[in-house]
Amino acid sequence: MILFWLICLVLIVIALAFILPPLMQETKTAPTAESRSQANIAVYRDQISELEADLRNGIIASDQFQQDRDDLEKRLLEDVESTKTTLKSSRRKGPLVADRSTLYTLAIGIPVLAVAMYLQVGNRSAIGRSAAQGSQMAMSPPGDPQLSDQQRIQANVDALAEKLEQNPTDFNGWLMLANSYTSLERYDDAVNAYAKATGLKTDDADLWANYAFVLAMKNGRRLAGEPTQLLNKALQLDPENPRALQLSGSAAFEAKDYQQAIFYWEKLQKKAGPETELGQAVGQRIAEAKQLAAQK
């Protein structure tokens, strides 16, 4: 009989161990959500700063800069709205945690109710099985930790790639996937995605220029060879395309064809405006190319 009541006590303690700690612990959802929000804002600020640096250095064109900046701001707004929803939900749950009388009622009521119910309908022969099951639950490993923001983004991108396998003619999907891979610096995958996108839409100069860019990044930041061929396609479609002009100038500069680099960059500077930030950055590259051309 004593053994029976000892087993009952163990089971009650196990049950309370599952119920009471979550109720006694004050909610920590809000600080965690706020911290995540601040971290996201810091990351987005860094990314925007990098974009501005690329714009100043002539790595990206003004229209591409604006598009990338808009994408970053949209993602930031989505994260902020998600955090606000989490905070509101946590505040609604707060008063339930603060009611200590509920804790005392549960702490006393559960053992009393358990004993009373057992005396009415219990089966002592089942105690051994219940104890074993309770111990197994108490020793079960915790669930997987939540995915980090980076892992969540990776998972979403991989899910999009899997979806496109079932719908390979979705141009917008391939373009989104290519941009996502480029942002993640997965240039091998970005090249494949742009190959799919350009196969579906062949008359977009920006598309060919971006394809050339990721291919160059894959090839160790070298524009010689196939990337230059892709840029030529872009310029055939749109001789004034800023992205294609900027990269074609870089390709010519890389090949030490400084006069050709100057030609492309002067067209880009004229289009952007010499007084703009992009125009000034391109002007510096033009001056460097002229200096090197004079030394040849």
C-alpha atoms as a PDB file:
ATOM      1  CA  MET A   1       0.000   0.000   0.000  1.00  0.00           C
ATOM      2  CA  ILE A   2       2.846   2.375   0.878  1.00  0.00           C
ATOM      3  CA  LEU A   3       4.472   1.619  -2.482  1.00  0.00           C
ATOM      4  CA  PHE A   4       1.201   2.466  -4.219  1.00  0.00           C
ATOM      5  CA  TRP A   5       0.985   5.896  -2.581  1.00  0.00           C
ATOM      6  CA  LEU A   6       4.662   6.586  -3.308  1.00  0.00           C
ATOM      7  CA  ILE A   7       4.016   5.875  -6.968  1.00  0.00           C
ATOM      8  CA  CYS A   8       0.979   8.173  -6.853  1.00  0.00           C
ATOM      9  CA  LEU A   9       3.144  10.919  -5.366  1.00  0.00           C
ATOM     10  CA  VAL A  10       5.732  10.505  -8.136  1.00  0.00           C
ATOM     11  CA  LEU A  11       3.076  10.748 -10.819  1.00  0.00           C
ATOM     12  CA  ILE A  12       1.568  13.861  -9.233  1.00  0.00           C
ATOM     13  CA  VAL A  13       4.986  15.534  -9.050  1.00  0.00           C
ATOM     14  CA  ILE A  14       5.585  14.708 -12.712  1.00  0.00           C
ATOM     15  CA  ALA A  15       2.227  16.184 -13.683  1.00  0.00           C
ATOM     16  CA  LEU A  16       2.867  19.376 -11.707  1.00  0.00           C
ATOM     17  CA  ALA A  17       6.329  19.649 -13.255  1.00  0.00           C
ATOM     18  CA  PHE A  18       4.679  19.927 -16.666  1.00  0.00           C
ATOM     19  CA  ILE A  19       1.930  22.344 -15.638  1.00  0.00           C
ATOM     20  CA  LEU A  20       3.287  24.783 -13.075  1.00  0.00           C
ATOM     21  CA  PRO A  21       6.597  26.087 -14.537  1.00  0.00           C
ATOM     22  CA  PRO A  22       5.032  27.532 -17.707  1.00  0.00           C
ATOM     23  CA  LEU A  23       2.343  29.230 -15.614  1.00  0.00           C
ATOM     24  CA  MET A  24       4.772  30.607 -13.047  1.00  0.00           C
ATOM     25  CA  GLN A  25       7.142  31.951 -15.629  1.00  0.00           C
ATOM     26  CA  GLU A  26       6.372  35.493 -16.751  1.00  0.00           C
ATOM     27  CA  THR A  27       5.974  35.812 -20.448  1.00  0.00           C
ATOM     28  CA  LYS A  28       9.178  36.593 -22.297  1.00  0.00           C
ATOM     29  CA  THR A  29       7.721  36.778 -25.754  1.00  0.00           C
ATOM     30  CA  ALA A  30       7.693  40.583 -25.964  1.00  0.00           C
ATOM     31  CA  PRO A  31      11.366  41.203 -25.110  1.00  0.00           C
ATOM     32  CA  THR A  32      12.409  38.394 -27.466  1.00  0.00           C
ATOM     33  CA  ALA A  33      10.304  39.809 -30.291  1.00  0.00           C
ATOM     34  CA  GLU A  34      11.571  43.335 -29.636  1.00  0.00           C
ATOM     35  CA  SER A  35      15.181  42.127 -29.618  1.00  0.00           C
ATOM     36  CA  ARG A  36      14.628  40.295 -32.879  1.00  0.00           C
ATOM     37  CA  SER A  37      13.059  43.402 -34.383  1.00  0.00           C
ATOM     38  CA  GLN A  38      16.050  45.563 -33.390  1.00  0.00           C
ATOM     39  CA  ALA A  39      18.445  42.967 -34.794  1.00  0.00           C
ATOM     40  CA  ASN A  40      16.537  42.874 -38.091  1.00  0.00           C
ATOM     41  CA  ILE A  41      16.599  46.666 -38.347  1.00  0.00           C
ATOM     42  CA  ALA A  42      20.375  46.666 -37.784  1.00  0.00           C
ATOM     43  CA  VAL A  43      20.845  44.048 -40.495  1.00  0.00           C
ATOM     44  CA  TYR A  44      18.720  46.005 -42.964  1.00  0.00           C
ATOM     45  CA  ARG A  45      20.663  49.187 -42.202  1.00  0.00           C
ATOM     46  CA  ASP A  46      23.917  47.372 -42.944  1.00  0.00           C
ATOM     47  CA  GLN A  47      22.506  46.010 -46.198  1.00  0.00           C
ATOM     48  CA  ILE A  48      21.311  49.442 -47.295  1.00  0.00           C
ATOM     49  CA  SER A  49      24.740  50.900 -46.434  1.00  0.00           C
ATOM     50  CA  GLU A  50      26.357  48.247 -48.612  1.00  0.00           C
ATOM     51  CA  LEU A  51      23.985  49.096 -51.455  1.00  0.00           C
ATOM     52  CA  GLU A  52      24.849  52.789 -51.137  1.00  0.00           C
ATOM     53  CA  ALA A  53      28.557  51.919 -51.213  1.00  0.00           C
ATOM     54  CA  ASP A  54      28.033  49.818 -54.350  1.00  0.00           C
ATOM     55  CA  LEU A  55      26.177  52.728 -55.941  1.00  0.00           C
ATOM     56  CA  ARG A  56      28.972  55.187 -55.116  1.00  0.00           C
ATOM     57  CA  ASN A  57      31.588  52.806 -56.513  1.00  0.00           C
ATOM     58  CA  GLY A  58      29.640  52.280 -59.724  1.00  0.00           C
ATOM     59  CA  ILE A  59      29.062  48.583 -59.053  1.00  0.00           C
ATOM     60  CA  ILE A  60      25.308  48.922 -59.451  1.00  0.00           C
ATOM     61  CA  ALA A  61      23.155  51.319 -61.417  1.00  0.00           C
ATOM     62  CA  SER A  62      20.752  53.778 -59.824  1.00  0.00           C
ATOM     63  CA  ASP A  63      17.641  51.899 -60.953  1.00  0.00           C
ATOM     64  CA  GLN A  64      19.004  48.619 -59.598  1.00  0.00           C
ATOM     65  CA  PHE A  65      19.917  50.392 -56.350  1.00  0.00           C
ATOM     66  CA  GLN A  66      16.374  51.729 -55.987  1.00  0.00           C
ATOM     67  CA  GLN A  67      14.856  48.319 -56.726  1.00  0.00           C
ATOM     68  CA  ASP A  68      17.102  46.550 -54.207  1.00  0.00           C
ATOM     69  CA  ARG A  69      16.443  49.246 -51.600  1.00  0.00           C
ATOM     70  CA  ASP A  70      12.679  48.924 -52.111  1.00  0.00           C
ATOM     71  CA  ASP A  71      12.941  45.152 -51.653  1.00  0.00           C
ATOM     72  CA  LEU A  72      14.879  45.585 -48.414  1.00  0.00           C
ATOM     73  CA  GLU A  73      12.400  48.130 -47.061  1.00  0.00           C
ATOM     74  CA  LYS A  74       9.477  45.869 -47.955  1.00  0.00           C
ATOM     75  CA  ARG A  75      11.049  42.950 -46.097  1.00  0.00           C
ATOM     76  CA  LEU A  76      11.770  45.179 -43.119  1.00  0.00           C
ATOM     77  CA  LEU A  77       8.150  46.347 -42.975  1.00  0.00           C
ATOM     78  CA  GLU A  78       6.951  42.743 -43.127  1.00  0.00           C
ATOM     79  CA  ASP A  79       9.228  41.779 -40.228  1.00  0.00           C
ATOM     80  CA  VAL A  80       8.109  44.790 -38.183  1.00  0.00           C
ATOM     81  CA  GLU A  81       4.434  43.972 -38.738  1.00  0.00           C
ATOM     82  CA  SER A  82       5.090  40.354 -37.757  1.00  0.00           C
ATOM     83  CA  THR A  83       6.792  41.525 -34.553  1.00  0.00           C
ATOM     84  CA  LYS A  84       3.869  43.835 -33.706  1.00  0.00           C
ATOM     85  CA  THR A  85       1.467  40.912 -34.060  1.00  0.00           C
ATOM     86  CA  THR A  86       3.610  38.806 -31.732  1.00  0.00           C
ATOM     87  CA  LEU A  87       3.778  41.594 -29.158  1.00  0.00           C
ATOM     88  CA  LYS A  88      -0.006  42.081 -29.193  1.00  0.00           C
ATOM     89  CA  SER A  89      -0.541  38.358 -28.748  1.00  0.00           C
ATOM     90  CA  SER A  90       1.882  38.207 -25.827  1.00  0.00           C
ATOM     91  CA  ARG A  91       0.153  41.160 -24.107  1.00  0.00           C
ATOM     92  CA  ARG A  92      -3.208  39.434 -24.368  1.00  0.00           C
ATOM     93  CA  LYS A  93      -1.739  36.399 -22.629  1.00  0.00           C
ATOM     94  CA  GLY A  94      -0.062  38.398 -19.861  1.00  0.00           C
ATOM     95  CA  PRO A  95      -2.976  38.719 -17.343  1.00  0.00           C
ATOM     96  CA  LEU A  96      -3.422  34.954 -17.256  1.00  0.00           C
ATOM     97  CA  VAL A  97       0.120  34.508 -16.055  1.00  0.00           C
ATOM     98  CA  ALA A  98      -0.190  37.120 -13.341  1.00  0.00           C
ATOM     99  CA  ASP A  99      -3.074  35.358 -11.528  1.00  0.00           C
ATOM    100  CA  ARG A 100      -1.215  33.548  -8.750  1.00  0.00           C
ATOM    101  CA  SER A 101      -4.428  32.209  -7.231  1.00  0.00           C
ATOM    102  CA  THR A 102      -4.801  30.005 -10.271  1.00  0.00           C
ATOM    103  CA  LEU A 103      -1.402  28.493  -9.556  1.00  0.00           C
ATOM    104  CA  TYR A 104      -2.285  27.683  -5.981  1.00  0.00           C
ATOM    105  CA  THR A 105      -5.599  26.168  -7.022  1.00  0.00           C
ATOM    106  CA  LEU A 106      -3.884  23.926  -9.545  1.00  0.00           C
ATOM    107  CA  ALA A 107      -1.082  22.977  -7.158  1.00  0.00           C
ATOM    108  CA  ILE A 108      -3.569  21.815  -4.516  1.00  0.00           C
ATOM    109  CA  GLY A 109      -6.476  20.756  -6.682  1.00  0.00           C
ATOM    110  CA  ILE A 110      -4.635  18.445  -9.067  1.00  0.00           C
ATOM    111  CA  PRO A 111      -3.301  16.062  -6.365  1.00  0.00           C
ATOM    112  CA  VAL A 112      -6.620  16.021  -4.517  1.00  0.00           C
ATOM    113  CA  LEU A 113      -8.606  15.429  -7.687  1.00  0.00           C
ATOM    114  CA  ALA A 114      -6.215  12.738  -8.870  1.00  0.00           C
ATOM    115  CA  VAL A 115      -6.455  10.801  -5.606  1.00  0.00           C
ATOM    116  CA  ALA A 116     -10.246  11.173  -5.470  1.00  0.00           C
ATOM    117  CA  MET A 117     -10.685   9.940  -9.015  1.00  0.00           C
ATOM    118  CA  TYR A 118      -8.417   7.001  -8.438  1.00  0.00           C
ATOM    119  CA  LEU A 119     -10.282   5.929  -5.305  1.00  0.00           C
ATOM    120  CA  GLN A 120     -13.460   5.929  -7.364  1.00  0.00           C
ATOM    121  CA  VAL A 121     -12.375   4.304 -10.634  1.00  0.00           C
ATOM    122  CA  GLY A 122      -8.686   3.505 -10.256  1.00  0.00           C
ATOM    123  CA  ASN A 123      -6.883   0.300 -11.103  1.00  0.00           C
ATOM    124  CA  ARG A 124      -3.754  -0.361  -9.072  1.00  0.00           C
ATOM    125  CA  SER A 125      -2.427  -2.827 -11.592  1.00  0.00           C
ATOM    126  CA  ALA A 126      -2.132   0.004 -14.102  1.00  0.00           C
ATOM    127  CA  ILE A 127       0.147   2.054 -11.822  1.00  0.00           C
ATOM    128  CA  GLY A 128       3.308   0.477 -13.160  1.00  0.00           C
ATOM    129  CA  ARG A 129       2.396   1.313 -16.738  1.00  0.00           C
ATOM    130  CA  SER A 130       1.404   4.894 -15.822  1.00  0.00           C
ATOM    131  CA  ALA A 131       4.651   5.470 -13.971  1.00  0.00           C
ATOM    132  CA  ALA A 132       6.639   4.202 -16.913  1.00  0.00           C
ATOM    133  CA  GLN A 133       4.717   6.415 -19.324  1.00  0.00           C
ATOM    134  CA  GLY A 134       5.121   9.442 -17.040  1.00  0.00           C
ATOM    135  CA  SER A 135       8.858   8.888 -16.741  1.00  0.00           C
ATOM    136  CA  GLN A 136       9.145   8.542 -20.505  1.00  0.00           C
ATOM    137  CA  MET A 137       7.334  11.852 -21.021  1.00  0.00           C
ATOM    138  CA  ALA A 138       9.493  13.594 -18.420  1.00  0.00           C
ATOM    139  CA  MET A 139      12.663  12.363 -20.098  1.00  0.00           C
ATOM    140  CA  SER A 140      11.581  13.079 -23.697  1.00  0.00           C
ATOM    141  CA  PRO A 141      13.929  15.456 -25.524  1.00  0.00           C
ATOM    142  CA  PRO A 142      12.764  19.006 -26.163  1.00  0.00           C
ATOM    143  CA  GLY A 143      11.539  20.026 -29.597  1.00  0.00           C
ATOM    144  CA  ASP A 144      13.803  21.412 -32.244  1.00  0.00           C
ATOM    145  CA  PRO A 145      14.825  25.028 -31.636  1.00  0.00           C
ATOM    146  CA  GLN A 146      13.248  27.691 -33.800  1.00  0.00           C
ATOM    147  CA  LEU A 147      14.909  28.397 -37.088  1.00  0.00           C
ATOM    148  CA  SER A 148      17.052  31.513 -37.302  1.00  0.00           C
ATOM    149  CA  ASP A 149      16.104  34.271 -39.739  1.00  0.00           C
ATOM    150  CA  GLN A 150      18.827  33.157 -42.133  1.00  0.00           C
ATOM    151  CA  GLN A 151      17.647  29.530 -41.980  1.00  0.00           C
ATOM    152  CA  ARG A 152      14.059  30.661 -42.522  1.00  0.00           C
ATOM    153  CA  ILE A 153      15.077  32.600 -45.628  1.00  0.00           C
ATOM    154  CA  GLN A 154      17.055  29.620 -46.915  1.00  0.00           C
ATOM    155  CA  ALA A 155      14.065  27.346 -46.307  1.00  0.00           C
ATOM    156  CA  ASN A 156      11.736  29.711 -48.191  1.00  0.00           C
ATOM    157  CA  VAL A 157      14.129  29.925 -51.126  1.00  0.00           C
ATOM    158  CA  ASP A 158      14.497  26.145 -51.249  1.00  0.00           C
ATOM    159  CA  ALA A 159      10.712  25.795 -51.122  1.00  0.00           C
ATOM    160  CA  LEU A 160      10.402  28.183 -54.087  1.00  0.00           C
ATOM    161  CA  ALA A 161      12.991  26.170 -56.029  1.00  0.00           C
ATOM    162  CA  GLU A 162      11.049  22.972 -55.361  1.00  0.00           C
ATOM    163  CA  LYS A 163       7.810  24.635 -56.476  1.00  0.00           C
ATOM    164  CA  LEU A 164       9.412  25.757 -59.733  1.00  0.00           C
ATOM    165  CA  GLU A 165      10.362  22.173 -60.519  1.00  0.00           C
ATOM    166  CA  GLN A 166       6.633  21.533 -60.816  1.00  0.00           C
ATOM    167  CA  ASN A 167       6.032  24.754 -62.782  1.00  0.00           C
ATOM    168  CA  PRO A 168       9.163  25.420 -64.871  1.00  0.00           C
ATOM    169  CA  THR A 169       7.467  28.022 -67.106  1.00  0.00           C
ATOM    170  CA  ASP A 170       6.882  30.508 -64.263  1.00  0.00           C
ATOM    171  CA  PHE A 171       9.109  33.412 -65.366  1.00  0.00           C
ATOM    172  CA  ASN A 172       8.385  35.590 -62.321  1.00  0.00           C
ATOM    173  CA  GLY A 173       9.180  32.668 -60.052  1.00  0.00           C
ATOM    174  CA  TRP A 174      12.566  32.080 -61.705  1.00  0.00           C
ATOM    175  CA  LEU A 175      13.354  35.803 -61.542  1.00  0.00           C
ATOM    176  CA  MET A 176      12.490  35.898 -57.843  1.00  0.00           C
ATOM    177  CA  LEU A 177      14.579  32.793 -57.235  1.00  0.00           C
ATOM    178  CA  ALA A 178      17.535  34.248 -59.143  1.00  0.00           C
ATOM    179  CA  ASN A 179      17.388  37.490 -57.128  1.00  0.00           C
ATOM    180  CA  SER A 180      17.119  35.512 -53.884  1.00  0.00           C
ATOM    181  CA  TYR A 181      20.121  33.361 -54.734  1.00  0.00           C
ATOM    182  CA  THR A 182      22.085  36.508 -55.633  1.00  0.00           C
ATOM    183  CA  SER A 183      21.216  38.099 -52.274  1.00  0.00           C
ATOM    184  CA  LEU A 184      22.353  34.918 -50.511  1.00  0.00           C
ATOM    185  CA  GLU A 185      25.546  34.917 -52.642  1.00  0.00           C
ATOM    186  CA  ARG A 186      24.681  31.463 -53.970  1.00  0.00           C
ATOM    187  CA  TYR A 187      25.994  32.394 -57.392  1.00  0.00           C
ATOM    188  CA  ASP A 188      26.076  28.884 -58.877  1.00  0.00           C
ATOM    189  CA  ASP A 189      22.361  28.537 -58.183  1.00  0.00           C
ATOM    190  CA  ALA A 190      21.716  32.125 -59.320  1.00  0.00           C
ATOM    191  CA  VAL A 191      23.345  31.395 -62.690  1.00  0.00           C
ATOM    192  CA  ASN A 192      21.059  28.397 -63.209  1.00  0.00           C
ATOM    193  CA  ALA A 193      17.989  30.432 -62.247  1.00  0.00           C
ATOM    194  CA  TYR A 194      18.908  33.273 -64.623  1.00  0.00           C
ATOM    195  CA  ALA A 195      19.479  30.734 -67.398  1.00  0.00           C
ATOM    196  CA  LYS A 196      15.909  29.532 -66.880  1.00  0.00           C
ATOM    197  CA  ALA A 197      14.561  33.104 -66.750  1.00  0.00           C
ATOM    198  CA  THR A 198      16.362  34.262 -69.909  1.00  0.00           C
ATOM    199  CA  GLY A 199      15.109  31.148 -71.673  1.00  0.00           C
ATOM    200  CA  LEU A 200      11.559  32.267 -70.941  1.00  0.00           C
ATOM    201  CA  LYS A 201      12.075  35.972 -71.667  1.00  0.00           C
ATOM    202  CA  THR A 202      14.788  36.880 -74.153  1.00  0.00           C
ATOM    203  CA  ASP A 203      14.122  40.591 -74.719  1.00  0.00           C
ATOM    204  CA  ASP A 204      14.923  42.032 -71.273  1.00  0.00           C
ATOM    205  CA  ALA A 205      18.242  43.896 -71.199  1.00  0.00           C
ATOM    206  CA  ASP A 206      18.307  44.131 -67.392  1.00  0.00           C
ATOM    207  CA  LEU A 207      17.830  40.381 -67.171  1.00  0.00           C
ATOM    208  CA  TRP A 208      20.822  39.666 -69.417  1.00  0.00           C
ATOM    209  CA  ALA A 209      22.973  42.196 -67.552  1.00  0.00           C
ATOM    210  CA  ASN A 210      22.138  40.660 -64.184  1.00  0.00           C
ATOM    211  CA  TYR A 211      22.817  37.217 -65.641  1.00  0.00           C
ATOM    212  CA  ALA A 212      26.266  38.448 -66.701  1.00  0.00           C
ATOM    213  CA  PHE A 213      26.895  39.845 -63.223  1.00  0.00           C
ATOM    214  CA  VAL A 214      26.156  36.609 -61.323  1.00  0.00           C
ATOM    215  CA  LEU A 215      28.139  34.598 -63.868  1.00  0.00           C
ATOM    216  CA  ALA A 216      31.099  36.922 -63.320  1.00  0.00           C
ATOM    217  CA  MET A 217      30.756  36.502 -59.546  1.00  0.00           C
ATOM    218  CA  LYS A 218      30.704  32.741 -60.000  1.00  0.00           C
ATOM    219  CA  ASN A 219      33.894  33.017 -62.117  1.00  0.00           C
ATOM    220  CA  GLY A 220      35.841  34.847 -59.452  1.00  0.00           C
ATOM    221  CA  ARG A 221      34.542  38.337 -60.322  1.00  0.00           C
ATOM    222  CA  ARG A 222      35.892  38.109 -63.873  1.00  0.00           C
ATOM    223  CA  LEU A 223      33.778  39.501 -66.713  1.00  0.00           C
ATOM    224  CA  ALA A 224      35.893  38.107 -69.549  1.00  0.00           C
ATOM    225  CA  GLY A 225      34.364  35.440 -71.768  1.00  0.00           C
ATOM    226  CA  GLU A 226      30.716  34.454 -71.455  1.00  0.00           C
ATOM    227  CA  PRO A 227      29.745  37.328 -69.104  1.00  0.00           C
ATOM    228  CA  THR A 228      30.909  39.814 -71.761  1.00  0.00           C
ATOM    229  CA  GLN A 229      28.891  37.952 -74.386  1.00  0.00           C
ATOM    230  CA  LEU A 230      25.801  38.257 -72.220  1.00  0.00           C
ATOM    231  CA  LEU A 231      26.448  41.979 -71.794  1.00  0.00           C
ATOM    232  CA  ASN A 232      26.668  42.359 -75.565  1.00  0.00           C
ATOM    233  CA  LYS A 233      23.189  40.807 -75.804  1.00  0.00           C
ATOM    234  CA  ALA A 234      21.918  43.287 -73.255  1.00  0.00           C
ATOM    235  CA  LEU A 235      23.360  46.242 -75.174  1.00  0.00           C
ATOM    236  CA  GLN A 236      21.898  44.959 -78.432  1.00  0.00           C
ATOM    237  CA  LEU A 237      18.474  45.053 -76.777  1.00  0.00           C
ATOM    238  CA  ASP A 238      19.055  48.423 -75.097  1.00  0.00           C
ATOM    239  CA  PRO A 239      22.239  50.377 -75.943  1.00  0.00           C
ATOM    240  CA  GLU A 240      21.467  52.798 -73.095  1.00  0.00           C
ATOM    241  CA  ASN A 241      20.887  50.206 -70.369  1.00  0.00           C
ATOM    242  CA  PRO A 242      22.733  51.544 -67.283  1.00  0.00           C
ATOM    243  CA  ARG A 243      23.535  48.153 -65.779  1.00  0.00           C
ATOM    244  CA  ALA A 244      24.912  46.826 -69.067  1.00  0.00           C
ATOM    245  CA  LEU A 245      26.929  50.002 -69.691  1.00  0.00           C
ATOM    246  CA  GLN A 246      28.462  49.929 -66.234  1.00  0.00           C
ATOM    247  CA  LEU A 247      29.435  46.250 -66.432  1.00  0.00           C
ATOM    248  CA  SER A 248      30.620  46.522 -70.056  1.00  0.00           C
ATOM    249  CA  GLY A 249      32.887  49.365 -69.001  1.00  0.00           C
ATOM    250  CA  SER A 250      34.238  47.213 -66.193  1.00  0.00           C
ATOM    251  CA  ALA A 251      34.790  44.324 -68.618  1.00  0.00           C
ATOM    252  CA  ALA A 252      36.738  46.590 -70.997  1.00  0.00           C
ATOM    253  CA  PHE A 253      38.741  48.023 -68.103  1.00  0.00           C
ATOM    254  CA  GLU A 254      39.518  44.484 -66.939  1.00  0.00           C
ATOM    255  CA  ALA A 255      40.775  43.690 -70.451  1.00  0.00           C
ATOM    256  CA  LYS A 256      42.895  46.905 -70.334  1.00  0.00           C
ATOM    257  CA  ASP A 257      40.896  48.325 -73.227  1.00  0.00           C
ATOM    258  CA  TYR A 258      40.679  51.695 -71.509  1.00  0.00           C
ATOM    259  CA  GLN A 259      39.298  53.642 -74.464  1.00  0.00           C
ATOM    260  CA  GLN A 260      36.374  51.258 -74.742  1.00  0.00           C
ATOM    261  CA  ALA A 261      35.807  51.475 -70.986  1.00  0.00           C
ATOM    262  CA  ILE A 262      35.750  55.261 -71.235  1.00  0.00           C
ATOM    263  CA  PHE A 263      33.224  55.024 -74.086  1.00  0.00           C
ATOM    264  CA  TYR A 264      30.793  52.916 -72.060  1.00  0.00           C
ATOM    265  CA  TRP A 265      31.209  54.892 -68.841  1.00  0.00           C
ATOM    266  CA  GLU A 266      30.797  58.277 -70.512  1.00  0.00           C
ATOM    267  CA  LYS A 267      27.496  57.072 -71.967  1.00  0.00           C
ATOM    268  CA  LEU A 268      26.455  55.931 -68.492  1.00  0.00           C
ATOM    269  CA  GLN A 269      27.530  59.213 -66.901  1.00  0.00           C
ATOM    270  CA  LYS A 270      25.611  61.221 -69.479  1.00  0.00           C
ATOM    271  CA  LYS A 271      22.500  59.141 -68.855  1.00  0.00           C
ATOM    272  CA  ALA A 272      22.778  59.330 -65.073  1.00  0.00           C
ATOM    273  CA  GLY A 273      23.831  62.975 -64.977  1.00  0.00           C
ATOM    274  CA  PRO A 274      27.369  64.089 -64.033  1.00  0.00           C
ATOM    275  CA  GLU A 275      26.080  65.825 -60.890  1.00  0.00           C
ATOM    276  CA  THR A 276      24.390  62.695 -59.472  1.00  0.00           C
ATOM    277  CA  GLU A 277      26.069  60.395 -57.019  1.00  0.00           C
ATOM    278  CA  LEU A 278      26.300  57.676 -59.651  1.00  0.00           C
ATOM    279  CA  GLY A 279      27.598  60.164 -62.220  1.00  0.00           C
ATOM    280  CA  GLN A 280      30.341  61.308 -59.856  1.00  0.00           C
ATOM    281  CA  ALA A 281      31.356  57.736 -59.053  1.00  0.00           C
ATOM    282  CA  VAL A 282      31.516  56.884 -62.756  1.00  0.00           C
ATOM    283  CA  GLY A 283      33.487  60.063 -63.329  1.00  0.00           C
ATOM    284  CA  GLN A 284      36.186  58.783 -61.007  1.00  0.00           C
ATOM    285  CA  ARG A 285      36.400  55.528 -62.990  1.00  0.00           C
ATOM    286  CA  ILE A 286      36.619  57.519 -66.230  1.00  0.00           C
ATOM    287  CA  ALA A 287      39.482  59.604 -64.835  1.00  0.00           C
ATOM    288  CA  GLU A 288      41.305  56.438 -63.770  1.00  0.00           C
ATOM    289  CA  ALA A 289      40.825  54.886 -67.234  1.00  0.00           C
ATOM    290  CA  LYS A 290      42.085  58.040 -68.950  1.00  0.00           C
ATOM    291  CA  GLN A 291      45.163  58.104 -66.763  1.00  0.00           C
ATOM    292  CA  LEU A 292      45.966  54.473 -67.553  1.00  0.00           C
ATOM    293  CA  ALA A 293      45.254  55.002 -71.251  1.00  0.00           C
ATOM    294  CA  ALA A 294      47.756  57.889 -71.335  1.00  0.00           C
ATOM    295  CA  GLN A 295      50.449  55.644 -69.899  1.00  0.00           C
ATOM    296  CA  LYS A 296      50.126  53.035 -72.651  1.00  0.00           C
END
